[in-house]
PDB file of N, CA and C in Angstrom:
ATOM      1  N   MET A   1     -71.821  41.722 149.368  1.00  0.00           N
ATOM      2  CA  MET A   1     -73.001  42.519 149.181  1.00  0.00           C
ATOM      3  C   MET A   1     -73.767  42.675 150.494  1.00  0.00           C
ATOM      4  N   ILE A   2     -73.936  41.606 151.225  1.00  0.00           N
ATOM      5  CA  ILE A   2     -74.643  41.673 152.505  1.00  0.00           C
ATOM      6  C   ILE A   2     -73.855  42.513 153.498  1.00  0.00           C
ATOM      7  N   GLN A   3     -72.529  42.329 153.526  1.00  0.00           N
ATOM      8  CA  GLN A   3     -71.694  43.097 154.452  1.00  0.00           C
ATOM      9  C   GLN A   3     -71.810  44.591 154.160  1.00  0.00           C
ATOM     10  N   LYS A   4     -71.788  44.972 152.898  1.00  0.00           N
ATOM     11  CA  LYS A   4     -71.893  46.384 152.513  1.00  0.00           C
ATOM     12  C   LYS A   4     -73.241  46.957 152.943  1.00  0.00           C
ATOM     13  N   ARG A   5     -74.309  46.206 152.755  1.00  0.00           N
ATOM     14  CA  ARG A   5     -75.643  46.659 153.164  1.00  0.00           C
ATOM     15  C   ARG A   5     -75.718  46.825 154.672  1.00  0.00           C
ATOM     16  N   LEU A   6     -75.150  45.879 155.410  1.00  0.00           N
ATOM     17  CA  LEU A   6     -75.152  45.961 156.873  1.00  0.00           C
ATOM     18  C   LEU A   6     -74.365  47.188 157.334  1.00  0.00           C
ATOM     19  N   GLN A   7     -73.207  47.437 156.736  1.00  0.00           N
ATOM     20  CA  GLN A   7     -72.414  48.607 157.108  1.00  0.00           C
ATOM     21  C   GLN A   7     -73.169  49.896 156.819  1.00  0.00           C
ATOM     22  N   ASN A   8     -73.896  49.953 155.715  1.00  0.00           N
ATOM     23  CA  ASN A   8     -74.697  51.137 155.393  1.00  0.00           C
ATOM     24  C   ASN A   8     -75.801  51.354 156.428  1.00  0.00           C
ATOM     25  N   ILE A   9     -76.457  50.285 156.838  1.00  0.00           N
ATOM     26  CA  ILE A   9     -77.522  50.378 157.843  1.00  0.00           C
ATOM     27  C   ILE A   9     -76.946  50.857 159.174  1.00  0.00           C
ATOM     28  N   LEU A  10     -75.840  50.260 159.597  1.00  0.00           N
ATOM     29  CA  LEU A  10     -75.213  50.650 160.861  1.00  0.00           C
ATOM     30  C   LEU A  10     -74.762  52.102 160.813  1.00  0.00           C
ATOM     31  N   SER A  11     -74.194  52.514 159.699  1.00  0.00           N
ATOM     32  CA  SER A  11     -73.731  53.887 159.550  1.00  0.00           C
ATOM     33  C   SER A  11     -74.894  54.875 159.675  1.00  0.00           C
ATOM     34  N   LYS A  12     -76.016  54.558 159.070  1.00  0.00           N
ATOM     35  CA  LYS A  12     -77.193  55.433 159.158  1.00  0.00           C
ATOM     36  C   LYS A  12     -77.699  55.556 160.585  1.00  0.00           C
ATOM     37  N   GLU A  13     -77.466  54.522 161.396  1.00  0.00           N
ATOM     38  CA  GLU A  13     -77.910  54.518 162.792  1.00  0.00           C
ATOM     39  C   GLU A  13     -76.859  55.097 163.741  1.00  0.00           C
ATOM     40  N   GLY A  14     -75.723  55.542 163.198  1.00  0.00           N
ATOM     41  CA  GLY A  14     -74.703  56.171 164.028  1.00  0.00           C
ATOM     42  C   GLY A  14     -73.663  55.222 164.582  1.00  0.00           C
ATOM     43  N   VAL A  15     -73.539  54.033 163.993  1.00  0.00           N
ATOM     44  CA  VAL A  15     -72.549  53.055 164.437  1.00  0.00           C
ATOM     45  C   VAL A  15     -71.388  53.080 163.442  1.00  0.00           C
ATOM     46  N   GLU A  16     -70.181  53.298 163.951  1.00  0.00           N
ATOM     47  CA  GLU A  16     -68.999  53.380 163.098  1.00  0.00           C
ATOM     48  C   GLU A  16     -67.963  52.353 163.530  1.00  0.00           C
ATOM     49  N   ARG A  17     -67.230  51.841 162.573  1.00  0.00           N
ATOM     50  CA  ARG A  17     -66.156  50.891 162.867  1.00  0.00           C
ATOM     51  C   ARG A  17     -64.975  51.663 163.444  1.00  0.00           C
ATOM     52  N   ILE A  18     -64.371  51.125 164.480  1.00  0.00           N
ATOM     53  CA  ILE A  18     -63.192  51.741 165.088  1.00  0.00           C
ATOM     54  C   ILE A  18     -61.980  51.354 164.245  1.00  0.00           C
ATOM     55  N   PRO A  19     -61.162  52.336 163.829  1.00  0.00           N
ATOM     56  CA  PRO A  19     -59.963  52.012 163.045  1.00  0.00           C
ATOM     57  C   PRO A  19     -59.085  51.030 163.819  1.00  0.00           C
ATOM     58  N   GLY A  20     -58.571  50.029 163.117  1.00  0.00           N
ATOM     59  CA  GLY A  20     -57.781  49.001 163.787  1.00  0.00           C
ATOM     60  C   GLY A  20     -56.394  48.878 163.215  1.00  0.00           C
ATOM     61  N   ALA A  21     -56.091  47.706 162.646  1.00  0.00           N
ATOM     62  CA  ALA A  21     -54.749  47.409 162.149  1.00  0.00           C
ATOM     63  C   ALA A  21     -54.241  48.525 161.246  1.00  0.00           C
ATOM     64  N   GLY A  22     -53.039  49.000 161.556  1.00  0.00           N
ATOM     65  CA  GLY A  22     -52.417  50.057 160.780  1.00  0.00           C
ATOM     66  C   GLY A  22     -52.623  51.442 161.370  1.00  0.00           C
ATOM     67  N   SER A  23     -53.558  51.580 162.305  1.00  0.00           N
ATOM     68  CA  SER A  23     -53.778  52.886 162.938  1.00  0.00           C
ATOM     69  C   SER A  23     -52.976  52.961 164.238  1.00  0.00           C
ATOM     70  N   MET A  24     -52.838  54.166 164.760  1.00  0.00           N
ATOM     71  CA  MET A  24     -52.124  54.339 166.023  1.00  0.00           C
ATOM     72  C   MET A  24     -53.012  53.902 167.181  1.00  0.00           C
ATOM     73  N   PHE A  25     -52.417  53.290 168.177  1.00  0.00           N
ATOM     74  CA  PHE A  25     -53.146  52.826 169.359  1.00  0.00           C
ATOM     75  C   PHE A  25     -53.734  54.021 170.099  1.00  0.00           C
ATOM     76  N   ASP A  26     -55.004  53.946 170.419  1.00  0.00           N
ATOM     77  CA  ASP A  26     -55.690  54.992 171.178  1.00  0.00           C
ATOM     78  C   ASP A  26     -56.412  54.307 172.332  1.00  0.00           C
ATOM     79  N   PRO A  27     -55.966  54.524 173.578  1.00  0.00           N
ATOM     80  CA  PRO A  27     -56.577  53.824 174.716  1.00  0.00           C
ATOM     81  C   PRO A  27     -58.052  54.154 174.925  1.00  0.00           C
ATOM     82  N   ASP A  28     -58.545  55.225 174.305  1.00  0.00           N
ATOM     83  CA  ASP A  28     -59.969  55.530 174.409  1.00  0.00           C
ATOM     84  C   ASP A  28     -60.803  54.569 173.565  1.00  0.00           C
ATOM     85  N   TYR A  29     -60.181  53.947 172.554  1.00  0.00           N
ATOM     86  CA  TYR A  29     -60.919  53.069 171.646  1.00  0.00           C
ATOM     87  C   TYR A  29     -60.381  51.647 171.568  1.00  0.00           C
ATOM     88  N   HIS A  30     -59.110  51.445 171.924  1.00  0.00           N
ATOM     89  CA  HIS A  30     -58.479  50.133 171.791  1.00  0.00           C
ATOM     90  C   HIS A  30     -58.153  49.539 173.157  1.00  0.00           C
ATOM     91  N   GLU A  31     -58.084  48.235 173.204  1.00  0.00           N
ATOM     92  CA  GLU A  31     -57.648  47.519 174.402  1.00  0.00           C
ATOM     93  C   GLU A  31     -56.498  46.611 173.989  1.00  0.00           C
ATOM     94  N   ALA A  32     -55.335  46.845 174.571  1.00  0.00           N
ATOM     95  CA  ALA A  32     -54.155  46.069 174.196  1.00  0.00           C
ATOM     96  C   ALA A  32     -54.170  44.722 174.906  1.00  0.00           C
ATOM     97  N   ALA A  33     -53.991  43.667 174.133  1.00  0.00           N
ATOM     98  CA  ALA A  33     -53.891  42.323 174.705  1.00  0.00           C
ATOM     99  C   ALA A  33     -52.437  42.026 175.048  1.00  0.00           C
ATOM    100  N   LEU A  34     -51.521  42.487 174.188  1.00  0.00           N
ATOM    101  CA  LEU A  34     -50.096  42.318 174.431  1.00  0.00           C
ATOM    102  C   LEU A  34     -49.309  43.191 173.468  1.00  0.00           C
ATOM    103  N   ARG A  35     -48.044  43.362 173.758  1.00  0.00           N
ATOM    104  CA  ARG A  35     -47.142  44.102 172.868  1.00  0.00           C
ATOM    105  C   ARG A  35     -46.341  43.081 172.076  1.00  0.00           C
ATOM    106  N   VAL A  36     -46.114  43.389 170.806  1.00  0.00           N
ATOM    107  CA  VAL A  36     -45.347  42.482 169.958  1.00  0.00           C
ATOM    108  C   VAL A  36     -44.249  43.274 169.253  1.00  0.00           C
ATOM    109  N   VAL A  37     -43.194  42.566 168.880  1.00  0.00           N
ATOM    110  CA  VAL A  37     -42.117  43.173 168.108  1.00  0.00           C
ATOM    111  C   VAL A  37     -42.595  43.231 166.659  1.00  0.00           C
ATOM    112  N   SER A  38     -42.430  44.391 166.040  1.00  0.00           N
ATOM    113  CA  SER A  38     -42.937  44.587 164.688  1.00  0.00           C
ATOM    114  C   SER A  38     -42.086  45.617 163.967  1.00  0.00           C
ATOM    115  N   ASP A  39     -42.197  45.640 162.658  1.00  0.00           N
ATOM    116  CA  ASP A  39     -41.508  46.653 161.855  1.00  0.00           C
ATOM    117  C   ASP A  39     -42.296  47.951 161.818  1.00  0.00           C
ATOM    118  N   GLU A  40     -43.491  47.955 162.370  1.00  0.00           N
ATOM    119  CA  GLU A  40     -44.346  49.146 162.383  1.00  0.00           C
ATOM    120  C   GLU A  40     -43.839  50.158 163.406  1.00  0.00           C
ATOM    121  N   GLU A  41     -44.273  51.409 163.265  1.00  0.00           N
ATOM    122  CA  GLU A  41     -43.933  52.470 164.210  1.00  0.00           C
ATOM    123  C   GLU A  41     -44.470  52.113 165.604  1.00  0.00           C
ATOM    124  N   GLU A  42     -43.720  52.489 166.643  1.00  0.00           N
ATOM    125  CA  GLU A  42     -44.141  52.242 168.031  1.00  0.00           C
ATOM    126  C   GLU A  42     -45.567  52.767 168.245  1.00  0.00           C
ATOM    127  N   GLY A  43     -46.425  51.933 168.801  1.00  0.00           N
ATOM    128  CA  GLY A  43     -47.788  52.343 169.106  1.00  0.00           C
ATOM    129  C   GLY A  43     -48.794  52.055 168.001  1.00  0.00           C
ATOM    130  N   THR A  44     -48.359  51.352 166.950  1.00  0.00           N
ATOM    131  CA  THR A  44     -49.261  51.021 165.848  1.00  0.00           C
ATOM    132  C   THR A  44     -49.971  49.706 166.139  1.00  0.00           C
ATOM    133  N   VAL A  45     -51.272  49.673 165.898  1.00  0.00           N
ATOM    134  CA  VAL A  45     -52.060  48.447 166.062  1.00  0.00           C
ATOM    135  C   VAL A  45     -51.677  47.506 164.924  1.00  0.00           C
ATOM    136  N   VAL A  46     -51.267  46.262 165.256  1.00  0.00           N
ATOM    137  CA  VAL A  46     -50.848  45.316 164.220  1.00  0.00           C
ATOM    138  C   VAL A  46     -51.864  44.213 163.978  1.00  0.00           C
ATOM    139  N   GLU A  47     -52.694  43.897 164.955  1.00  0.00           N
ATOM    140  CA  GLU A  47     -53.763  42.917 164.798  1.00  0.00           C
ATOM    141  C   GLU A  47     -54.984  43.459 165.505  1.00  0.00           C
ATOM    142  N   GLU A  48     -56.155  42.989 165.080  1.00  0.00           N
ATOM    143  CA  GLU A  48     -57.362  43.511 165.696  1.00  0.00           C
ATOM    144  C   GLU A  48     -58.503  42.511 165.677  1.00  0.00           C
ATOM    145  N   SER A  49     -59.432  42.725 166.571  1.00  0.00           N
ATOM    146  CA  SER A  49     -60.766  42.145 166.503  1.00  0.00           C
ATOM    147  C   SER A  49     -61.655  43.317 166.124  1.00  0.00           C
ATOM    148  N   ALA A  50     -62.681  43.067 165.369  1.00  0.00           N
ATOM    149  CA  ALA A  50     -63.549  44.164 164.923  1.00  0.00           C
ATOM    150  C   ALA A  50     -64.108  44.908 166.126  1.00  0.00           C
ATOM    151  N   GLY A  51     -64.070  46.220 166.032  1.00  0.00           N
ATOM    152  CA  GLY A  51     -64.615  47.062 167.084  1.00  0.00           C
ATOM    153  C   GLY A  51     -65.558  48.089 166.485  1.00  0.00           C
ATOM    154  N   TRP A  52     -66.606  48.414 167.213  1.00  0.00           N
ATOM    155  CA  TRP A  52     -67.621  49.351 166.729  1.00  0.00           C
ATOM    156  C   TRP A  52     -67.896  50.400 167.777  1.00  0.00           C
ATOM    157  N   LEU A  53     -68.278  51.585 167.339  1.00  0.00           N
ATOM    158  CA  LEU A  53     -68.536  52.700 168.229  1.00  0.00           C
ATOM    159  C   LEU A  53     -69.881  53.313 167.860  1.00  0.00           C
ATOM    160  N   TYR A  54     -70.740  53.496 168.868  1.00  0.00           N
ATOM    161  CA  TYR A  54     -72.024  54.153 168.639  1.00  0.00           C
ATOM    162  C   TYR A  54     -71.831  55.642 168.860  1.00  0.00           C
ATOM    163  N   VAL A  55     -72.091  56.427 167.843  1.00  0.00           N
ATOM    164  CA  VAL A  55     -71.945  57.870 167.918  1.00  0.00           C
ATOM    165  C   VAL A  55     -73.337  58.454 168.091  1.00  0.00           C
ATOM    166  N   GLU A  56     -73.585  59.052 169.261  1.00  0.00           N
ATOM    167  CA  GLU A  56     -74.902  59.623 169.514  1.00  0.00           C
ATOM    168  C   GLU A  56     -75.120  60.832 168.627  1.00  0.00           C
ATOM    169  N   ARG A  57     -76.295  60.920 168.112  1.00  0.00           N
ATOM    170  CA  ARG A  57     -76.638  62.067 167.294  1.00  0.00           C
ATOM    171  C   ARG A  57     -77.077  63.198 168.199  1.00  0.00           C
ATOM    172  N   LYS A  58     -76.735  64.394 167.828  1.00  0.00           N
ATOM    173  CA  LYS A  58     -77.156  65.551 168.609  1.00  0.00           C
ATOM    174  C   LYS A  58     -78.570  65.916 168.194  1.00  0.00           C
ATOM    175  N   GLY A  59     -79.412  66.069 169.171  1.00  0.00           N
ATOM    176  CA  GLY A  59     -80.797  66.394 168.888  1.00  0.00           C
ATOM    177  C   GLY A  59     -81.007  67.884 168.719  1.00  0.00           C
ATOM    178  N   HIS A  60     -82.207  68.233 168.505  1.00  0.00           N
ATOM    179  CA  HIS A  60     -82.595  69.636 168.379  1.00  0.00           C
ATOM    180  C   HIS A  60     -82.336  70.311 169.726  1.00  0.00           C
ATOM    181  N   PRO A  61     -81.856  71.560 169.760  1.00  0.00           N
ATOM    182  CA  PRO A  61     -81.531  72.232 171.029  1.00  0.00           C
ATOM    183  C   PRO A  61     -82.663  72.213 172.045  1.00  0.00           C
ATOM    184  N   SER A  62     -83.913  72.217 171.591  1.00  0.00           N
ATOM    185  CA  SER A  62     -85.023  72.201 172.543  1.00  0.00           C
ATOM    186  C   SER A  62     -85.164  70.876 173.259  1.00  0.00           C
ATOM    187  N   GLU A  63     -84.474  69.842 172.765  1.00  0.00           N
ATOM    188  CA  GLU A  63     -84.537  68.511 173.392  1.00  0.00           C
ATOM    189  C   GLU A  63     -83.552  68.364 174.531  1.00  0.00           C
ATOM    190  N   HIS A  64     -82.650  69.331 174.700  1.00  0.00           N
ATOM    191  CA  HIS A  64     -81.634  69.231 175.743  1.00  0.00           C
ATOM    192  C   HIS A  64     -82.073  69.989 176.981  1.00  0.00           C
ATOM    193  N   SER A  65     -81.697  69.476 178.135  1.00  0.00           N
ATOM    194  CA  SER A  65     -82.048  70.175 179.385  1.00  0.00           C
ATOM    195  C   SER A  65     -80.827  70.841 179.970  1.00  0.00           C
TER     196      SER A  65
END
């Protein structure tokens, strides 16, 4: 229950969890510690530490220079 509430709060503030285990490796979001032999497709993340991404909200056009 607490975890769900925290995720809702973070989501409202523009913070999103980075897809991890089971997703394809993306060097823009993931950092490889090592390569392992696995039954998964080449380039698939098999283990992870939680990662989060802050997505900036776009402001009103008059706020941009």
